[in-house]
Amino acid sequence: MTPPTSSLPAYLRPSLLGLVTLGGAAGTTLRSALESAFGAGAGEFPWATFAINVSGALILGALLEALALVTADGGRRRALQLTLGTGLLGGYTTYSTFILEAVALGRGGDLPLAMAYAGATVPGGFLAARAPLPLVPRAVAGGRRAWIRSC
């Protein structure tokens, strides 16, 4: 006898895998469009990938903080985390492209630029993920007040 779907871990639940897949497809499509529109040439600082990774970290930090404040730890929150966090933002951000671009800059003879890119991306993403944390509780509280007034 197979166990009920709700007792399976998240990575074995078809419905949750579907949410991650849908979010990932949207995030990857958005990233691809931005990279195509604003991609760097050989030997140039990869601003598009840098902006994508740092903005993705910022949005992920805000999303996870907001979800923790607004929804109980359960099915709805898990679905939103998996769809928007793991799926959308996981597909939108790209560690693999970041590494390939850093290596290409180094191999192209511009080791200082490669080091600057790597040195800006990792701490930039960390700081961006932390930046919205103090702001989200106020925004969430303001949104709750507006919602309560509208009822």
Protein backbone atom coordinates (compact mmCIF):
# COMPACT_ATOMS: atom_id res chain seq x y z
CA MET A 1 0.00 0.00 0.00
CA THR A 2 1.37 3.45 -0.90
CA PRO A 3 1.44 6.19 1.76
CA PRO A 4 -0.94 9.16 1.39
CA THR A 5 0.57 12.00 -0.64
CA SER A 6 0.42 14.37 2.35
CA SER A 7 2.77 12.14 4.35
CA LEU A 8 5.44 12.14 1.63
CA PRO A 9 8.35 14.59 1.83
CA ALA A 10 7.94 17.69 -0.34
CA TYR A 11 10.37 16.48 -3.01
CA LEU A 12 8.22 13.39 -3.64
CA ARG A 13 4.86 15.18 -3.92
CA PRO A 14 3.85 15.64 -7.57
CA SER A 15 1.79 18.75 -6.84
CA LEU A 16 4.70 20.51 -5.13
CA LEU A 17 7.14 19.42 -7.83
CA GLY A 18 4.75 20.91 -10.36
CA LEU A 19 4.76 24.25 -8.51
CA VAL A 20 8.57 24.33 -8.48
CA THR A 21 8.62 23.45 -12.19
CA LEU A 22 6.16 26.21 -13.11
CA GLY A 23 8.02 28.79 -11.04
CA GLY A 24 11.37 27.64 -12.40
CA ALA A 25 10.19 27.89 -16.00
CA ALA A 26 9.00 31.45 -15.42
CA GLY A 27 12.20 32.47 -13.61
CA THR A 28 14.46 30.93 -16.23
CA THR A 29 12.51 32.59 -19.04
CA LEU A 30 12.81 35.98 -17.34
CA ARG A 31 16.55 35.53 -16.75
CA SER A 32 17.11 34.44 -20.33
CA ALA A 33 15.27 37.49 -21.65
CA LEU A 34 17.32 39.83 -19.45
CA GLU A 35 20.60 38.14 -20.36
CA SER A 36 19.71 38.38 -24.06
CA ALA A 37 18.79 42.05 -23.78
CA PHE A 38 21.64 43.19 -21.54
CA GLY A 39 24.37 40.53 -21.85
CA ALA A 40 28.00 41.57 -21.62
CA GLY A 41 30.51 41.16 -24.40
CA ALA A 42 33.75 39.21 -24.02
CA GLY A 43 36.00 40.79 -21.41
CA GLU A 44 33.26 43.06 -20.01
CA PHE A 45 31.85 43.03 -16.49
CA PRO A 46 28.70 40.84 -16.65
CA TRP A 47 26.31 43.45 -15.27
CA ALA A 48 23.16 41.55 -16.26
CA THR A 49 24.09 38.39 -14.34
CA PHE A 50 25.31 40.46 -11.41
CA ALA A 51 22.04 42.43 -11.27
CA ILE A 52 19.96 39.27 -11.68
CA ASN A 53 21.73 37.44 -8.84
CA VAL A 54 21.73 40.39 -6.44
CA SER A 55 18.11 41.37 -7.17
CA GLY A 56 17.08 37.72 -6.81
CA ALA A 57 18.74 37.58 -3.40
CA LEU A 58 16.98 40.80 -2.36
CA ILE A 59 13.57 39.53 -3.47
CA LEU A 60 14.15 36.14 -1.85
CA GLY A 61 15.07 37.76 1.47
CA ALA A 62 11.92 39.91 1.37
CA LEU A 63 9.73 36.99 0.28
CA LEU A 64 10.87 34.60 2.99
CA GLU A 65 10.59 37.25 5.70
CA ALA A 66 7.10 38.26 4.54
CA LEU A 67 5.91 34.66 4.35
CA ALA A 68 7.23 33.99 7.85
CA LEU A 69 5.28 36.99 9.19
CA VAL A 70 2.04 36.57 7.25
CA THR A 71 1.34 32.87 6.94
CA ALA A 72 1.51 29.96 9.32
CA ASP A 73 4.15 27.33 8.66
CA GLY A 74 2.06 24.93 6.65
CA GLY A 75 0.71 24.01 3.25
CA ARG A 76 0.02 27.48 1.84
CA ARG A 77 3.34 28.88 2.99
CA ARG A 78 5.22 25.84 1.71
CA ALA A 79 3.51 26.12 -1.69
CA LEU A 80 4.42 29.82 -1.95
CA GLN A 81 8.01 29.20 -0.83
CA LEU A 82 8.44 26.42 -3.36
CA THR A 83 6.72 28.24 -6.23
CA LEU A 84 8.22 31.69 -5.75
CA GLY A 85 11.43 30.96 -3.84
CA THR A 86 12.73 27.62 -5.07
CA GLY A 87 11.04 27.76 -8.47
CA LEU A 88 10.80 31.36 -9.71
CA LEU A 89 13.83 32.84 -7.95
CA GLY A 90 15.84 29.63 -8.23
CA GLY A 91 15.32 29.74 -12.00
CA TYR A 92 15.85 33.51 -12.15
CA THR A 93 19.19 33.54 -10.32
CA THR A 94 22.15 31.66 -11.72
CA TYR A 95 25.21 30.60 -9.80
CA SER A 96 26.43 28.49 -12.71
CA THR A 97 26.47 31.42 -15.16
CA PHE A 98 28.18 33.56 -12.53
CA ILE A 99 30.98 30.99 -12.15
CA LEU A 100 31.36 30.46 -15.91
CA GLU A 101 31.59 34.22 -16.49
CA ALA A 102 34.15 34.66 -13.71
CA VAL A 103 36.27 31.82 -15.11
CA ALA A 104 35.97 33.23 -18.66
CA LEU A 105 37.14 36.65 -17.47
CA GLY A 106 40.13 35.05 -15.71
CA ARG A 107 41.00 32.88 -18.70
CA GLY A 108 40.66 35.90 -20.95
CA GLY A 109 43.52 37.50 -19.07
CA ASP A 110 41.52 39.87 -16.87
CA LEU A 111 42.04 38.24 -13.49
CA PRO A 112 41.46 41.52 -11.57
CA LEU A 113 38.05 41.91 -13.25
CA ALA A 114 37.22 38.25 -12.57
CA MET A 115 38.14 38.71 -8.91
CA ALA A 116 36.14 41.95 -8.70
CA TYR A 117 33.11 40.21 -10.20
CA ALA A 118 33.32 37.30 -7.78
CA GLY A 119 34.16 39.61 -4.89
CA ALA A 120 31.14 41.82 -5.59
CA THR A 121 28.59 39.12 -6.39
CA VAL A 122 28.84 36.91 -3.31
CA PRO A 123 28.83 39.63 -0.63
CA GLY A 124 26.43 41.72 -2.74
CA GLY A 125 23.93 38.87 -2.75
CA PHE A 126 24.35 38.32 0.99
CA LEU A 127 23.83 42.00 1.78
CA ALA A 128 20.89 42.21 -0.61
CA ALA A 129 19.18 39.23 1.04
CA ARG A 130 19.60 40.85 4.46
CA ALA A 131 18.64 44.39 3.41
CA PRO A 132 14.83 43.98 3.34
CA LEU A 133 14.60 42.13 6.67
CA PRO A 134 14.08 45.22 8.87
CA LEU A 135 11.68 46.79 6.34
CA VAL A 136 9.36 43.83 5.71
CA PRO A 137 7.69 43.77 9.15
CA ARG A 138 6.62 47.41 8.75
CA ALA A 139 5.36 46.83 5.22
CA VAL A 140 3.46 43.72 6.29
CA ALA A 141 1.94 45.52 9.29
CA GLY A 142 0.92 48.43 7.06
CA GLY A 143 -0.64 46.03 4.59
CA ARG A 144 -2.56 44.29 7.36
CA ARG A 145 -3.89 47.63 8.62
CA ALA A 146 -4.98 48.61 5.11
CA TRP A 147 -6.64 45.23 4.64
CA ILE A 148 -8.45 45.50 8.00
CA ARG A 149 -9.67 49.02 7.15
CA SER A 150 -11.02 47.78 3.80
CA CYS A 151 -13.13 45.04 5.44
